Protein backbone atom coordinates (compact mmCIF):
# COMPACT_ATOMS: atom_id res chain seq x y z
CA MET A 1 11.07 -59.86 35.90
CA ARG A 2 14.19 -57.67 36.02
CA HIS A 3 16.39 -60.76 35.90
CA PRO A 4 17.86 -61.32 32.42
CA GLN A 5 16.98 -65.00 32.53
CA PHE A 6 13.32 -64.45 33.39
CA ARG A 7 10.82 -65.15 30.67
CA PHE A 8 7.34 -66.52 30.22
CA GLN A 9 8.74 -69.73 28.78
CA TYR A 10 5.44 -71.56 28.38
CA LEU A 11 4.12 -68.82 26.14
CA ASP A 12 7.25 -68.85 24.01
CA VAL A 13 5.92 -71.55 21.69
CA ASP A 14 3.46 -71.55 18.82
CA PRO A 15 0.48 -73.54 20.19
CA PHE A 16 -0.70 -74.52 16.72
CA THR A 17 2.51 -76.53 16.25
CA LEU A 18 1.66 -78.75 19.24
CA ASN A 19 0.28 -82.22 18.60
CA GLU A 20 -3.43 -83.05 18.87
CA LEU A 21 -3.08 -84.25 22.45
CA HIS A 22 -2.81 -80.64 23.62
CA TRP A 23 -6.02 -79.65 21.78
CA GLY A 24 -7.99 -80.96 24.75
CA LEU A 25 -6.56 -78.02 26.79
CA CYS A 26 -5.69 -80.32 29.70
CA THR A 27 -1.97 -80.99 29.23
CA PRO A 28 0.64 -79.42 31.55
CA GLU A 29 2.05 -77.35 28.67
CA VAL A 30 -1.33 -75.74 27.99
CA LYS A 31 -2.11 -75.21 31.67
CA ASN A 32 1.26 -73.53 32.25
CA ALA A 33 0.68 -71.23 29.27
CA VAL A 34 -2.72 -70.33 30.70
CA ARG A 35 -1.07 -69.54 34.02
CA ASP A 36 1.41 -67.20 32.30
CA LEU A 37 -1.45 -65.41 30.55
CA GLU A 38 -3.20 -65.06 33.89
CA VAL A 39 -0.08 -63.50 35.44
CA ILE A 40 0.29 -61.01 32.58
CA GLY A 41 -3.37 -60.02 32.77
CA HIS A 42 -3.23 -59.66 36.55
CA PHE A 43 -0.18 -57.40 36.69
CA LEU A 44 -1.21 -55.28 33.71
CA ARG A 45 -4.48 -54.54 35.50
CA LEU A 46 -2.65 -53.56 38.67
CA THR A 47 -0.57 -50.98 36.85
CA VAL A 48 -3.64 -48.88 36.16
CA ASP A 49 -3.59 -47.55 39.73
CA GLN A 50 -0.13 -48.47 40.94
CA GLY A 51 2.13 -46.61 38.52
CA ALA A 52 4.19 -47.35 35.43
CA PRO A 53 7.33 -49.28 36.55
CA LEU A 54 5.71 -52.70 36.46
CA ARG A 55 3.93 -51.84 33.23
CA GLN A 56 7.26 -51.07 31.59
CA LEU A 57 8.76 -54.37 32.76
CA LEU A 58 5.78 -56.33 31.46
CA ALA A 59 5.69 -54.35 28.23
CA THR A 60 9.20 -55.54 27.42
CA HIS A 61 8.19 -59.20 27.76
CA VAL A 62 4.93 -58.64 25.91
CA PHE A 63 6.83 -56.96 23.08
CA HIS A 64 9.08 -59.99 22.55
CA LEU A 65 6.28 -62.54 22.94
CA TRP A 66 3.53 -60.59 21.19
CA HIS A 67 2.83 -62.94 18.28
CA ARG A 68 3.02 -65.97 20.58
CA ILE A 69 0.57 -64.37 23.02
CA VAL A 70 -1.90 -63.59 20.23
CA SER A 71 -1.58 -67.17 18.98
CA TRP A 72 -2.35 -68.54 22.45
CA LEU A 73 -5.41 -66.28 22.74
CA ASP A 74 -6.59 -67.69 19.43
CA TYR A 75 -5.76 -71.27 20.43
CA LEU A 76 -7.74 -71.01 23.68
CA HIS A 77 -10.64 -69.05 22.18
CA PRO A 78 -14.06 -70.72 22.55
CA MET A 79 -14.78 -70.25 18.83
CA HIS A 80 -12.63 -73.37 18.26
CA HIS A 81 -14.09 -75.43 21.11
CA PHE A 82 -17.78 -74.53 21.32
CA GLY A 83 -20.02 -77.58 21.05
CA THR A 84 -17.33 -80.03 22.15
CA GLU A 85 -16.24 -81.50 25.47
CA ARG A 86 -13.22 -79.20 25.33
CA MET A 87 -15.46 -76.20 26.03
CA THR A 88 -15.46 -76.95 29.76
CA HIS A 89 -11.68 -76.39 29.81
CA VAL A 90 -11.69 -73.02 28.01
CA PRO A 91 -10.28 -70.45 30.51
CA MET A 92 -12.90 -67.72 29.96
CA SER A 93 -11.77 -65.73 33.00
CA VAL A 94 -8.13 -65.73 31.89
CA LEU A 95 -9.04 -64.71 28.34
CA ALA A 96 -11.12 -61.75 29.55
CA SER A 97 -8.44 -60.65 32.01
CA ALA A 98 -5.57 -60.99 29.53
CA LEU A 99 -7.42 -59.12 26.77
CA TYR A 100 -8.29 -56.30 29.16
CA GLY A 101 -4.69 -55.98 30.33
CA LEU A 102 -3.16 -56.20 26.86
CA PHE A 103 -5.41 -53.50 25.44
CA LEU A 104 -4.18 -51.18 28.19
CA LEU A 105 -0.88 -51.23 26.29
CA LYS A 106 -2.41 -50.02 23.02
CA PRO A 107 -1.54 -46.31 23.58
CA THR A 108 2.14 -47.16 24.12
CA LEU A 109 2.59 -50.15 21.77
CA PRO A 110 0.28 -49.38 18.81
CA ASP A 111 2.51 -51.06 16.23
CA LEU A 112 2.04 -54.44 17.88
CA PHE A 113 -1.73 -54.26 17.42
CA ASN A 114 -1.31 -53.33 13.76
CA GLU A 115 1.04 -56.28 13.24
CA ALA A 116 -1.38 -58.81 14.74
CA PRO A 117 -4.94 -57.56 14.21
CA GLN A 118 -6.21 -61.04 15.10
CA ILE A 119 -6.29 -59.87 18.71
CA TYR A 120 -9.18 -57.58 17.78
CA ARG A 121 -11.04 -60.51 16.28
CA ALA A 122 -10.49 -62.55 19.46
CA LEU A 123 -11.87 -59.72 21.59
CA PHE A 124 -14.91 -58.81 19.51
CA ASP A 125 -15.94 -62.39 18.77
CA LEU A 126 -15.80 -63.28 22.47
CA TRP A 127 -17.83 -60.17 23.32
CA ILE A 128 -20.54 -60.37 20.67
CA HIS A 129 -21.09 -64.12 21.12
CA ILE A 130 -20.71 -64.27 24.89
CA ASP A 131 -24.28 -65.57 25.31
CA VAL A 132 -23.42 -68.44 22.96
CA TYR A 133 -20.22 -69.44 24.71
CA CYS A 134 -21.58 -69.43 28.27
CA GLU A 135 -24.78 -69.20 30.29
CA PHE A 136 -25.24 -65.48 30.18
CA PRO A 137 -25.59 -63.30 32.23
CA LEU A 138 -25.35 -65.78 35.13
CA ALA A 139 -21.79 -66.50 34.04
CA LEU A 140 -20.85 -63.01 35.20
CA LEU A 141 -21.62 -64.07 38.76
CA HIS A 142 -19.36 -67.12 38.82
CA ILE A 143 -16.69 -66.51 36.14
CA LYS A 144 -14.18 -64.14 37.64
CA HIS A 145 -13.06 -61.16 35.52
CA LEU A 146 -15.58 -61.89 32.75
CA HIS A 147 -17.04 -58.41 33.21
CA LEU A 148 -13.69 -56.94 32.08
CA LEU A 149 -14.60 -58.01 28.56
CA PHE A 150 -17.34 -55.37 28.45
CA LEU A 151 -14.97 -52.70 29.75
CA THR A 152 -12.52 -53.37 26.91
CA VAL A 153 -14.51 -53.28 23.68
CA GLU A 154 -15.25 -49.55 23.49
CA SER A 155 -11.68 -48.38 24.06
CA ALA A 156 -10.43 -51.06 21.65
CA LEU A 157 -12.25 -49.29 18.81
CA LEU A 158 -10.39 -46.01 19.38
CA ARG A 159 -7.11 -44.99 17.79
CA HIS A 160 -4.08 -45.27 20.05
CA ASP A 161 -3.38 -41.51 19.98
CA ILE A 162 -6.96 -40.78 21.05
CA LEU A 163 -6.69 -43.24 23.94
CA ALA A 164 -3.54 -41.50 25.15
CA LYS A 165 -5.35 -38.17 25.61
CA LEU A 166 -8.90 -39.37 26.20
CA ASN A 167 -10.87 -37.68 28.97
CA ALA A 168 -14.49 -37.54 30.03
CA SER A 169 -15.09 -34.04 28.64
CA ARG A 170 -13.76 -34.74 25.15
CA ARG A 171 -16.36 -35.36 22.48
CA LEU A 172 -15.65 -38.30 20.18
CA ASP A 173 -15.70 -37.92 16.40
CA PRO A 174 -15.93 -40.48 13.57
CA GLU A 175 -12.25 -39.84 12.79
CA ASP A 176 -11.31 -41.19 16.24
CA VAL A 177 -12.21 -44.77 15.36
CA ASP A 178 -9.47 -47.29 14.64
CA MET A 179 -10.38 -48.58 11.18
CA VAL A 180 -8.44 -51.82 11.64
CA ALA A 181 -10.32 -52.51 14.87
CA ARG A 182 -13.64 -51.65 13.25
CA ASP A 183 -13.01 -54.00 10.33
CA MET A 184 -12.09 -56.83 12.70
CA ALA A 185 -15.22 -56.17 14.77
CA LEU A 186 -17.30 -56.51 11.60
CA SER A 187 -15.45 -59.69 10.65
CA ALA A 188 -16.84 -61.29 13.82
CA VAL A 189 -20.34 -61.00 12.30
CA GLY A 190 -19.53 -61.72 8.68
CA HIS A 191 -19.01 -58.03 7.85
CA GLN A 192 -22.73 -57.32 8.32
CA PRO A 193 -23.24 -54.23 10.52
CA ARG A 194 -26.95 -54.91 11.00
CA ARG A 195 -26.13 -58.34 12.43
CA LEU A 196 -23.69 -56.71 14.83
CA TYR A 197 -26.45 -54.49 16.19
CA HIS A 198 -28.81 -57.44 16.39
CA ARG A 199 -26.33 -59.36 18.55
CA PHE A 200 -25.41 -56.30 20.62
CA VAL A 201 -29.00 -55.41 21.52
CA ARG A 202 -29.67 -59.03 22.47
CA ILE A 203 -26.75 -59.00 24.91
CA ILE A 204 -27.92 -55.76 26.53
CA ASP A 205 -31.42 -57.17 26.81
CA LEU A 206 -30.01 -60.18 28.67
CA PHE A 207 -28.31 -57.82 31.12
CA ILE A 208 -31.54 -56.19 32.22
CA ARG A 209 -33.81 -59.27 32.25
CA PRO A 210 -32.56 -61.03 35.43
CA MET A 211 -34.77 -60.80 38.51
CA ASP A 212 -31.95 -59.04 40.34
CA PRO A 213 -30.15 -56.63 37.98
CA TYR A 214 -28.40 -55.14 40.99
CA ALA A 215 -26.52 -58.35 41.77
CA ILE A 216 -22.84 -57.57 42.37
CA ILE A 217 -20.54 -59.17 39.81
CA CYS A 218 -17.26 -57.63 40.98
CA MET A 219 -16.60 -57.41 44.71
CA ASP A 220 -13.62 -55.08 44.23
CA SER A 221 -15.69 -52.32 42.60
CA GLU A 222 -19.21 -53.40 43.64
CA LEU A 223 -20.12 -53.48 39.95
CA THR A 224 -23.67 -54.71 39.25
CA LEU A 225 -25.42 -56.12 36.20
CA ILE A 226 -27.33 -52.87 35.68
CA ASP A 227 -24.05 -50.92 35.83
CA VAL A 228 -22.61 -53.00 32.99
CA ALA A 229 -25.89 -52.68 31.08
CA MET A 230 -25.70 -48.89 31.38
CA GLY A 231 -22.15 -48.93 30.08
CA GLN A 232 -23.15 -51.11 27.14
CA LEU A 233 -26.13 -48.86 26.32
CA SER A 234 -23.80 -45.88 26.28
CA PHE A 235 -21.41 -47.79 24.03
CA LEU A 236 -24.28 -48.76 21.73
CA ALA A 237 -25.23 -45.09 21.38
CA THR A 238 -21.64 -44.20 20.50
CA LEU A 239 -21.31 -47.12 18.10
CA SER A 240 -24.53 -46.39 16.21
CA ASN A 241 -23.96 -42.62 16.05
CA ILE A 242 -20.21 -42.28 15.58
CA TYR A 243 -18.24 -45.47 15.05
CA LEU A 244 -20.54 -47.45 12.78
CA PRO A 245 -23.71 -45.60 11.72
CA VAL A 246 -26.00 -47.52 9.37
CA SER A 247 -28.74 -46.10 7.19
CA SER A 248 -31.19 -48.93 7.86
CA GLN A 249 -31.46 -50.84 11.13
CA ARG A 250 -33.25 -54.17 11.35
CA LYS A 251 -36.86 -53.99 12.45
CA ASP A 252 -36.30 -56.49 15.27
CA VAL A 253 -33.49 -54.31 16.65
CA ILE A 254 -35.76 -51.26 16.81
CA GLN A 255 -38.61 -53.23 18.34
CA ALA A 256 -36.28 -54.83 20.91
CA LEU A 257 -35.12 -51.39 22.06
CA VAL A 258 -38.72 -50.21 22.45
CA ARG A 259 -39.52 -53.34 24.49
CA MET A 260 -36.41 -52.66 26.55
CA ILE A 261 -37.63 -49.17 27.45
CA ARG A 262 -41.06 -50.53 28.38
CA PHE A 263 -39.51 -53.28 30.51
CA LEU A 264 -37.26 -50.82 32.35
CA LEU A 265 -40.21 -48.54 33.10
CA ASP A 266 -42.29 -51.44 34.43
CA ARG A 267 -39.67 -53.00 36.68
CA PRO A 268 -39.50 -52.07 40.37
CA GLY A 269 -36.75 -49.77 41.52
CA ASP A 270 -35.13 -46.89 39.73
CA ALA A 271 -34.35 -47.98 36.18
CA LEU A 272 -35.22 -44.61 34.65
CA GLU A 273 -31.62 -43.78 33.83
CA ALA A 274 -31.29 -46.95 31.80
CA ALA A 275 -34.64 -46.26 30.09
CA GLU A 276 -33.44 -42.78 29.16
CA GLU A 277 -30.19 -44.21 27.81
CA ALA A 278 -32.10 -46.73 25.67
CA SER A 279 -34.27 -43.87 24.36
CA MET A 280 -31.12 -41.99 23.40
CA VAL A 281 -29.91 -45.03 21.47
CA LEU A 282 -33.13 -45.08 19.46
CA TRP A 283 -32.94 -41.34 18.81
CA GLY A 284 -29.45 -41.71 17.39
CA MET A 285 -30.54 -44.56 15.13
CA TRP A 286 -33.49 -42.51 13.83
CA LYS A 287 -31.27 -39.57 12.98
CA CYS A 288 -28.65 -41.71 11.23
CA ALA A 289 -31.24 -43.56 9.16
CA GLY A 290 -31.66 -42.88 5.46
CA ASP A 291 -35.44 -43.05 5.76
CA HIS A 292 -38.15 -42.93 8.41
CA ARG A 293 -38.84 -46.64 8.73
CA SER A 294 -37.08 -47.04 12.07
CA LEU A 295 -38.95 -44.07 13.52
CA VAL A 296 -42.29 -45.31 12.18
CA TRP A 297 -41.70 -48.81 13.62
CA SER A 298 -40.94 -47.27 16.99
CA LEU A 299 -44.00 -45.03 16.95
CA ARG A 300 -46.28 -47.91 16.00
CA ASP A 301 -44.92 -49.84 19.00
CA GLY A 302 -45.82 -46.95 21.32
CA VAL A 303 -42.42 -45.37 21.89
CA LEU A 304 -43.89 -41.86 22.12
CA ASP A 305 -45.87 -42.72 25.24
CA LEU A 306 -42.79 -44.38 26.74
CA ILE A 307 -40.56 -41.38 26.09
CA GLY A 308 -43.23 -39.11 27.55
CA THR A 309 -43.34 -41.28 30.67
CA VAL A 310 -39.57 -41.15 31.04
CA HIS A 311 -39.66 -37.36 30.67
CA ASN A 312 -42.45 -36.99 33.23
CA LYS A 313 -40.64 -39.13 35.80
CA ARG A 314 -37.16 -37.83 35.01
CA PRO A 315 -37.44 -34.40 33.34
CA SER A 316 -34.43 -33.42 31.27
CA ASN A 317 -33.58 -31.15 28.36
CA THR A 318 -32.45 -34.20 26.42
CA MET A 319 -35.82 -35.91 26.56
CA LYS A 320 -37.56 -32.61 25.84
CA SER A 321 -35.42 -32.16 22.73
CA MET A 322 -36.19 -35.71 21.65
CA LEU A 323 -39.95 -35.10 21.89
CA LYS A 324 -39.57 -31.87 19.93
CA TRP A 325 -37.54 -33.66 17.25
CA ILE A 326 -40.23 -36.33 16.87
CA ALA A 327 -42.93 -33.67 16.54
CA ASN A 328 -40.92 -31.93 13.82
CA GLN A 329 -40.82 -35.13 11.77
CA ALA A 330 -44.58 -34.76 11.29
CA MET A 331 -43.79 -32.95 8.04
CA TYR A 332 -43.29 -36.44 6.57
CA VAL A 333 -46.53 -38.24 5.77
CA LYS A 334 -45.50 -41.70 6.97
CA VAL A 335 -44.37 -40.30 10.32
CA LEU A 336 -47.52 -38.22 10.67
CA ARG A 337 -49.68 -41.28 10.08
CA ALA A 338 -47.77 -43.16 12.78
CA LEU A 339 -48.22 -40.19 15.13
CA SER A 340 -51.96 -40.14 14.51
CA PRO A 341 -53.20 -43.73 14.05
CA GLY A 342 -56.74 -43.69 12.73
CA GLY A 343 -56.73 -39.89 12.84
CA ARG A 344 -56.27 -39.78 16.63
CA VAL A 345 -53.21 -37.74 17.53
CA VAL A 346 -50.95 -39.35 20.12
CA PRO A 347 -50.45 -36.67 22.82
CA PHE A 348 -46.99 -35.15 23.24
CA GLY A 349 -47.77 -33.59 26.60
CA ASN A 350 -47.45 -30.16 24.98
CA PRO A 351 -50.86 -28.51 24.38
CA VAL A 352 -49.56 -26.29 21.59
CA VAL A 353 -48.00 -29.20 19.70
CA ASP A 354 -51.00 -31.46 20.31
CA THR A 355 -53.37 -28.82 18.93
CA SER A 356 -51.15 -28.05 15.95
CA MET A 357 -50.91 -31.73 15.06
CA ARG A 358 -54.65 -32.10 14.48
CA ALA A 359 -54.80 -30.09 11.25
CA PRO A 360 -52.07 -31.98 9.34
CA SER A 361 -53.43 -35.24 10.73
CA GLN A 362 -56.87 -34.46 9.31
CA ILE A 363 -55.35 -33.62 5.93
CA VAL A 364 -53.50 -36.94 5.79
CA HIS A 365 -56.29 -39.16 7.05
CA VAL A 366 -59.27 -37.48 5.36
CA LEU A 367 -58.34 -35.29 2.41
CA MET A 368 -55.36 -37.21 1.04
CA SER A 369 -56.94 -40.61 1.58
CA ASP A 370 -60.07 -39.52 -0.33
CA PHE A 371 -58.38 -37.92 -3.31
CA SER A 372 -54.92 -39.44 -3.48
CA SER A 373 -55.71 -41.92 -6.27
CA VAL A 374 -57.45 -39.28 -8.37
CA LEU A 375 -54.57 -36.84 -7.94
CA VAL A 376 -51.90 -39.39 -8.76
CA ASP A 377 -53.69 -40.53 -11.91
CA ALA A 378 -54.34 -36.95 -12.99
CA HIS A 379 -50.74 -35.96 -12.41
CA ARG A 380 -49.46 -38.91 -14.43
CA THR A 381 -51.88 -38.12 -17.27
CA ALA A 382 -50.94 -34.45 -17.37
CA MET A 383 -47.20 -35.06 -17.21
CA GLY A 384 -47.47 -37.58 -20.05
CA SER A 385 -49.63 -35.36 -22.26
CA VAL A 386 -48.08 -33.89 -25.43
CA ASP A 387 -51.18 -31.93 -26.47
CA ALA A 388 -51.33 -29.47 -23.57
CA PRO A 389 -51.89 -25.87 -24.73
CA SER A 390 -48.60 -24.00 -24.94
CA GLY A 391 -50.14 -20.93 -23.31
CA LEU A 392 -50.67 -22.89 -20.11
CA ALA A 393 -47.05 -23.86 -19.60
CA VAL A 394 -46.71 -21.28 -16.84
CA ALA A 395 -48.75 -23.57 -14.58
CA SER A 396 -46.18 -26.36 -14.46
CA PHE A 397 -45.64 -28.28 -11.23
CA PRO A 398 -44.26 -25.73 -8.77
CA MET A 399 -42.35 -27.97 -6.34
CA SER A 400 -38.60 -27.46 -6.58
CA ILE A 401 -36.28 -29.74 -4.60
CA HIS A 402 -32.50 -29.78 -4.82
CA PRO A 403 -30.99 -32.92 -3.26
CA HIS A 404 -27.44 -31.60 -3.58
CA ASP A 405 -28.33 -28.82 -1.14
CA TYR A 406 -28.83 -31.12 1.81
CA GLY A 407 -26.42 -34.03 1.37
CA ARG A 408 -27.34 -37.47 2.72
CA SER A 409 -30.80 -36.79 4.08
CA VAL A 410 -34.23 -38.32 4.24
CA PRO A 411 -35.76 -37.73 0.79
CA ILE A 412 -38.94 -35.79 0.21
CA SER A 413 -41.27 -38.27 -1.45
CA PRO A 414 -44.03 -37.35 -3.95
CA LEU A 415 -46.48 -38.16 -1.17
CA ASP A 416 -44.77 -35.62 1.08
CA VAL A 417 -44.90 -33.06 -1.74
CA ARG A 418 -48.67 -33.39 -2.05
CA PHE A 419 -49.07 -33.15 1.70
CA HIS A 420 -46.90 -30.01 1.93
CA ILE A 421 -48.99 -28.27 -0.71
CA LEU A 422 -52.31 -29.16 0.89
CA TYR A 423 -51.04 -28.31 4.36
CA ALA A 424 -49.69 -24.96 3.13
CA ARG A 425 -53.09 -24.13 1.62
CA SER A 426 -54.77 -25.04 4.88
CA LEU A 427 -52.43 -22.81 6.87
CA VAL A 428 -52.94 -19.88 4.50
CA ARG A 429 -56.72 -20.29 4.62
CA LYS A 430 -56.68 -20.47 8.40
CA ASN A 431 -54.37 -17.48 8.87
CA PHE A 432 -55.47 -15.33 5.93
CA ALA A 433 -57.32 -12.79 8.08
CA GLU A 434 -54.26 -12.32 10.28
CA LEU A 435 -51.79 -11.64 7.47
CA ASN A 436 -52.75 -7.95 7.17
CA LEU A 437 -52.05 -7.78 3.45
CA VAL A 438 -51.68 -4.30 1.99
CA GLU A 439 -50.85 -2.92 -1.43
CA ILE A 440 -48.33 -0.31 -2.45
CA PRO A 441 -50.24 2.10 -4.71
CA ARG A 442 -49.10 2.22 -8.32
CA SER A 443 -46.58 5.01 -8.84
CA GLU A 444 -43.90 5.86 -11.35
CA GLY A 445 -41.38 3.02 -11.49
CA TRP A 446 -43.37 0.77 -9.15
CA GLN A 447 -46.18 -1.69 -9.64
CA LEU A 448 -48.22 -3.78 -7.24
CA CYS A 449 -46.25 -5.76 -4.69
CA ASN A 450 -45.68 -9.48 -4.47
CA TYR A 451 -46.35 -11.08 -1.12
CA CYS A 452 -43.97 -13.89 -0.18
CA LEU A 453 -45.46 -15.98 2.59
CA SER A 454 -42.86 -18.30 4.15
CA ILE A 455 -43.96 -21.35 6.08
CA ASP A 456 -41.33 -23.19 8.08
CA LEU A 457 -42.45 -26.82 8.11
CA ARG A 458 -39.39 -27.94 10.06
CA GLN A 459 -41.09 -27.27 13.36
CA MET A 460 -44.43 -27.97 14.95
CA PRO A 461 -46.42 -25.77 14.96
CA PRO A 462 -45.21 -24.32 11.63
CA GLN A 463 -44.18 -20.66 11.67
CA LEU A 464 -45.56 -18.21 9.11
CA SER A 465 -43.85 -14.98 8.07
CA LEU A 466 -44.77 -12.47 5.35
CA ARG A 467 -42.46 -10.41 3.17
CA VAL A 468 -43.64 -7.61 0.89
CA MET A 469 -41.64 -7.60 -2.34
CA PRO A 470 -42.19 -4.42 -4.40
CA ARG A 471 -42.00 -4.86 -8.14
CA ARG A 472 -39.14 -2.99 -9.74
CA PRO A 473 -39.16 -1.59 -13.27
CA ARG A 474 -37.90 -3.78 -16.05
CA GLY A 475 -34.20 -3.50 -16.64
CA THR A 476 -33.23 -3.76 -13.00
CA HIS A 477 -31.40 -6.70 -11.44
CA SER A 478 -34.72 -8.32 -10.55
CA GLU A 479 -36.10 -8.38 -14.09
CA GLU A 480 -35.75 -12.13 -14.57
CA PHE A 481 -37.29 -12.90 -11.19
CA GLN A 482 -40.12 -10.41 -11.74
CA GLY A 483 -40.83 -11.73 -15.21
CA LYS A 484 -41.70 -15.08 -13.76
CA PHE A 485 -44.43 -13.54 -11.65
CA GLU A 486 -45.79 -11.39 -14.47
CA SER A 487 -46.02 -14.29 -16.92
CA ALA A 488 -48.34 -16.23 -14.65
CA ARG A 489 -50.22 -13.29 -13.19
CA MET A 490 -53.90 -12.92 -14.02
CA SER A 491 -54.62 -9.75 -15.97
CA SER A 492 -56.56 -6.97 -14.32
CA ASP A 493 -57.05 -3.29 -14.99
CA ASP A 494 -57.76 -2.51 -11.36
CA PRO A 495 -54.50 -2.19 -9.37
CA HIS A 496 -56.45 -2.41 -6.12
CA ASP A 497 -58.17 -5.69 -6.94
CA HIS A 498 -56.95 -7.92 -4.10
CA SER A 499 -58.29 -11.07 -5.73
CA GLU A 500 -55.86 -10.61 -8.59
CA VAL A 501 -52.73 -10.45 -6.41
CA ARG A 502 -50.43 -13.47 -6.60
CA TYR A 503 -49.32 -15.01 -3.29
CA ILE A 504 -46.23 -17.17 -3.20
CA VAL A 505 -45.74 -19.67 -0.39
CA THR A 506 -42.28 -20.99 0.34
CA ALA A 507 -41.86 -23.97 2.65
CA LEU A 508 -38.55 -24.79 4.30
CA VAL A 509 -37.77 -28.47 4.81
CA PRO A 510 -34.93 -29.81 6.97
CA ALA A 511 -31.44 -30.80 6.01
CA LEU A 512 -30.57 -33.74 8.24
CA SER A 513 -26.88 -33.95 7.40
CA ARG A 514 -24.77 -32.13 9.96
CA ASN A 515 -23.09 -29.51 7.80
CA ALA A 516 -25.82 -28.89 5.24
CA LYS A 517 -28.03 -25.84 5.16
CA PRO A 518 -31.83 -25.96 4.85
CA TYR A 519 -33.07 -25.64 1.32
CA GLY A 520 -36.11 -23.84 -0.02
CA VAL A 521 -39.12 -25.50 -1.53
CA LYS A 522 -41.60 -23.39 -3.46
CA ALA A 523 -44.76 -25.10 -2.33
CA LEU A 524 -47.36 -22.84 -3.95
CA ASP A 525 -47.36 -20.65 -7.02
CA ALA A 526 -51.00 -20.07 -7.81
CA PRO A 527 -53.67 -17.36 -7.77
CA LEU A 528 -55.38 -17.00 -4.44
CA SER A 529 -58.58 -18.50 -5.84
CA LEU A 530 -56.74 -21.74 -6.58
CA MET A 531 -54.51 -21.66 -3.53
CA LEU A 532 -57.35 -21.73 -1.02
CA ASP A 533 -58.96 -24.94 -2.23
CA VAL A 534 -57.95 -28.57 -2.58
CA TYR A 535 -56.69 -28.34 -6.16
CA MET A 536 -53.39 -30.06 -6.94
CA PRO A 537 -50.86 -28.78 -9.52
CA VAL A 538 -50.26 -30.94 -12.57
CA GLY A 539 -48.20 -30.52 -15.71
CA ASP A 540 -50.59 -28.17 -17.50
CA GLY A 541 -52.93 -26.83 -14.84
CA TRP A 542 -54.72 -27.78 -11.64
CA ILE A 543 -56.76 -30.92 -10.92
CA GLY A 544 -59.60 -30.84 -8.42
CA PRO A 545 -60.71 -33.70 -6.18
CA GLY A 546 -63.39 -34.64 -8.69
CA GLY A 547 -60.89 -34.82 -11.52
CA ASP A 548 -62.01 -31.51 -13.08
CA TRP A 549 -59.20 -29.44 -14.59
CA LYS A 550 -58.54 -25.70 -14.19
CA SER A 551 -56.09 -23.41 -15.91
CA ASP A 552 -53.76 -21.36 -13.77
CA CYS A 553 -54.84 -18.28 -15.69
CA GLU A 554 -58.60 -18.65 -15.46
CA GLU A 555 -60.18 -15.66 -13.81
CA GLU A 556 -63.20 -17.44 -12.44
CA SER A 557 -62.93 -18.56 -8.85
CA VAL A 558 -63.08 -22.23 -8.06
CA LYS A 559 -65.78 -23.30 -5.64
């Protein structure tokens, strides 16, 4: 290769200018070009462990023949020959080897990849449709170097400067992805990310289905099918969390991953590591989703029991955190219903969480199911009324949500709002005796105190904390805030009348975007007599389960 006259002469021709006779892939010209590609792939692979001199020599030839090489990869690609007799002559092994070797040059020759992005398309199409082009995964056992295809795709998606300094301890970020490579990967599936995940999960599933997943597919490294499957699961987690997150995965993708975990747990031998990796993939998809559908689908298919089994057999902080995260999603009604089908709470393996889950489950399955239609109709009627007494305006709907505070997050639905209010009432009723409420006696410049009860609904069980907020004289910096409480407060001449004291409950709900802060939701703003029952706030008062209406300022207690 050092000789000035040396060159890969059979590659130095545009294959698409050849006549149709060569399209059968059997002519000497095509076979010689395939041989040159095989040589390039072979020696580029060797340079990984044997130093840089040979890499530099090859890089010079690759640089001059780059567009020809990419054209030959395209010409030989099975996408042009699938379904014809020519398919038997497609050199799958050479394609996989050459692509692997060429992408090793990306850190040093990035401009070449930008000039001919078709090489990305050749790689990703061959990878994502490998089960279409050959009998997969059996082909891995008899097509040499085919496994190199799966070792190439993840690094191909990274920017060249990231590849040059990549190490095992470095955490990847979304900015590390090569946007040209990502676009070409999507082009292989018609620019439909959900289809990409559908194909990807199918390929991984094929890896773990054979009777012998530990069959060696590479004698040099003793690589097995399950080893490649683990690598692809790890890549899937990175792809779905960092490179190409989507807000809504297909239902069949989620269900396939749950089946995969179940299959790995049922198979003989130690497949727990792969089951844990598949669980991590699901967790990432749940957290990236714009709603809770993917989590609900998983829970309905029994993923909670599967994750608990993985954690029991292979305890880890990761699986423990995953179980805790799922429990915390119980603040959303649809998730809570999936966690407690028919009112029966699916055990988490944590007695405290299991016990705490019963109360919200009962509210959702009993109270809300009985009165939901009445409350919805009453709320619509009240909000649409133009004849409501002006003096009752202080009892307007007290839920305050600010979407701009939490970025792209799972929205709080009206159904969740009703549940939060009822659940907050239940918690206050249950813990009222333990709150140790006291009053500050009336003195000059001070009035009765406001009690601010905060309930953190982001965790299970919810945490309650009480703050005493003394009332300052008018004219201070808190006048506007205090006026709000006074306007809705029931009148009483007795400063020590506990029944007349207003209790405010504030619920904190999560911000799922990474950099956002939690936001506050005022879940209750009602006299204690109304707060401790099942009344729901409407536009001009409170509606009971029977449809009866109460003013926020009525002094009589509601039974």
